[in-house]
């Protein structure tokens, strides 16, 4: 169950924001095989100047259409699975008009006991939810 934070500069229509979110979710569904309803996204728009996203010395320029993505998920997926996810997200965002240079992604892993879905309980720990197992081991 990933929690996804998406940060963008102001100015996109609601439909565009929805398409960004959906593209990222569809990539996660396809690559990780999670259930459709494991859809937890936070979209935040920022005023001009509030997002700084340089190229880390890679030699390309980002536009004001940069999409900053943080994925919080349980540990256990292989490097190959993560790389495949990153590529799938970039491809799906390209389909909704986001260039590859404007896709910035941070991936943060944790464990089952780090999640509560409501009522102050850690549902993976109480047994209310099955602990997901990565499809790629």
Protein backbone atom coordinates (compact mmCIF):
# COMPACT_ATOMS: atom_id res chain seq x y z
CA UNK A 1 0.00 0.00 0.00
CA UNK A 2 1.95 2.97 -1.17
CA UNK A 3 1.25 6.47 0.05
CA UNK A 4 2.09 8.88 -2.77
CA UNK A 5 2.76 12.60 -2.40
CA UNK A 6 2.69 14.63 -5.60
CA UNK A 7 3.94 18.22 -5.61
CA UNK A 8 3.50 20.52 -8.60
CA UNK A 9 3.57 24.21 -9.40
CA UNK A 10 0.21 25.99 -9.47
CA UNK A 11 -1.67 26.38 -12.70
CA UNK A 12 -2.89 22.93 -13.72
CA UNK A 13 -6.60 22.27 -14.14
CA UNK A 14 -8.31 19.80 -11.82
CA UNK A 15 -8.54 17.31 -14.69
CA UNK A 16 -4.79 17.53 -15.26
CA UNK A 17 -4.08 16.93 -11.58
CA UNK A 18 -6.40 13.94 -11.64
CA UNK A 19 -4.65 12.58 -14.74
CA UNK A 20 -1.24 12.89 -13.04
CA UNK A 21 -2.47 11.01 -9.99
CA UNK A 22 -4.18 8.35 -12.07
CA UNK A 23 -1.12 7.82 -14.28
CA UNK A 24 1.07 7.24 -11.23
CA UNK A 25 -1.49 4.93 -9.62
CA UNK A 26 -1.92 2.93 -12.82
CA UNK A 27 1.85 2.44 -13.04
CA UNK A 28 1.94 1.18 -9.45
CA UNK A 29 -1.00 -1.15 -10.13
CA UNK A 30 0.68 -2.58 -13.22
CA UNK A 31 4.15 -2.98 -11.74
CA UNK A 32 3.39 -4.00 -8.16
CA UNK A 33 0.03 -5.72 -8.53
CA UNK A 34 -1.54 -3.87 -5.62
CA UNK A 35 -5.34 -3.71 -5.25
CA UNK A 36 -7.09 -0.84 -7.07
CA UNK A 37 -8.42 0.58 -3.79
CA UNK A 38 -4.91 0.93 -2.34
CA UNK A 39 -5.09 4.45 -3.75
CA UNK A 40 -3.67 7.01 -1.30
CA UNK A 41 -2.41 10.19 -2.99
CA UNK A 42 -1.81 13.69 -1.70
CA UNK A 43 -1.57 16.35 -4.41
CA UNK A 44 -0.17 19.72 -3.42
CA UNK A 45 0.16 22.78 -5.61
CA UNK A 46 2.84 25.35 -4.85
CA UNK A 47 3.22 29.03 -5.71
CA UNK A 48 6.00 30.03 -8.10
CA UNK A 49 9.41 29.69 -6.47
CA UNK A 50 8.36 27.12 -3.86
CA UNK A 51 9.67 24.09 -5.77
CA UNK A 52 13.37 23.95 -6.55
CA UNK A 53 14.27 20.96 -8.73
CA UNK A 54 17.62 21.10 -10.44
CA UNK A 55 19.22 18.28 -12.43
CA UNK A 56 21.83 17.04 -9.89
CA UNK A 57 24.47 17.75 -12.53
CA UNK A 58 22.95 15.46 -15.17
CA UNK A 59 22.88 18.17 -17.83
CA UNK A 60 19.20 18.80 -18.52
CA UNK A 61 16.75 21.55 -17.68
CA UNK A 62 13.44 21.07 -15.95
CA UNK A 63 10.41 23.17 -16.80
CA UNK A 64 7.80 24.73 -14.53
CA UNK A 65 5.82 21.53 -15.20
CA UNK A 66 8.03 19.49 -12.89
CA UNK A 67 6.23 16.76 -10.94
CA UNK A 68 7.88 15.87 -7.62
CA UNK A 69 6.78 12.42 -6.41
CA UNK A 70 7.42 10.72 -3.08
CA UNK A 71 6.37 7.09 -2.72
CA UNK A 72 6.19 5.66 0.80
CA UNK A 73 5.82 1.87 0.76
CA UNK A 74 6.82 -1.30 2.54
CA UNK A 75 10.30 -2.61 2.01
CA UNK A 76 11.10 -5.81 0.18
CA UNK A 77 10.93 -5.05 -3.52
CA UNK A 78 13.95 -5.72 -5.68
CA UNK A 79 16.06 -3.07 -7.38
CA UNK A 80 14.73 -4.35 -10.69
CA UNK A 81 11.12 -3.91 -9.55
CA UNK A 82 11.82 -0.36 -8.40
CA UNK A 83 13.56 0.57 -11.66
CA UNK A 84 10.66 -0.90 -13.59
CA UNK A 85 8.22 1.18 -11.54
CA UNK A 86 10.21 4.37 -12.13
CA UNK A 87 10.19 3.73 -15.89
CA UNK A 88 6.46 2.93 -15.89
CA UNK A 89 5.65 6.13 -14.00
CA UNK A 90 7.71 8.19 -16.43
CA UNK A 91 6.04 6.53 -19.43
CA UNK A 92 2.53 7.03 -18.08
CA UNK A 93 3.23 10.65 -17.15
CA UNK A 94 4.58 11.24 -20.66
CA UNK A 95 1.21 10.08 -21.96
CA UNK A 96 -0.45 12.94 -20.03
CA UNK A 97 2.06 15.56 -21.14
CA UNK A 98 4.88 15.44 -18.58
CA UNK A 99 8.36 15.23 -20.12
CA UNK A 100 10.88 12.82 -18.65
CA UNK A 101 13.07 15.68 -17.45
CA UNK A 102 10.17 16.85 -15.29
CA UNK A 103 9.66 13.59 -13.38
CA UNK A 104 11.47 13.57 -10.03
CA UNK A 105 10.83 10.61 -7.77
CA UNK A 106 11.89 9.74 -4.22
CA UNK A 107 11.17 6.24 -2.90
CA UNK A 108 10.95 5.64 0.86
CA UNK A 109 10.61 2.18 2.41
CA UNK A 110 9.26 1.18 5.79
CA UNK A 111 7.69 -1.87 7.47
CA UNK A 112 4.19 -3.18 8.22
CA UNK A 113 4.17 -1.77 11.74
CA UNK A 114 4.63 1.75 10.36
CA UNK A 115 1.06 2.03 9.01
CA UNK A 116 -2.31 2.92 10.51
CA UNK A 117 -5.37 3.14 8.24
CA UNK A 118 -7.65 4.62 10.89
CA UNK A 119 -8.97 4.37 14.42
CA UNK A 120 -5.45 4.53 15.87
CA UNK A 121 -4.75 0.88 15.10
CA UNK A 122 -1.88 -0.66 13.14
CA UNK A 123 -4.14 -2.92 11.05
CA UNK A 124 -1.27 -4.99 9.63
CA UNK A 125 -0.16 -5.74 13.18
CA UNK A 126 -3.66 -6.41 14.58
CA UNK A 127 -4.45 -8.79 11.70
CA UNK A 128 -7.27 -6.64 10.32
CA UNK A 129 -5.27 -6.46 7.07
CA UNK A 130 -2.96 -9.06 5.59
CA UNK A 131 0.61 -7.89 5.30
CA UNK A 132 1.26 -7.53 1.58
CA UNK A 133 4.10 -9.52 0.10
CA UNK A 134 6.02 -8.14 -2.85
CA UNK A 135 5.16 -9.93 -6.07
CA UNK A 136 8.85 -10.18 -7.01
CA UNK A 137 9.94 -11.55 -3.65
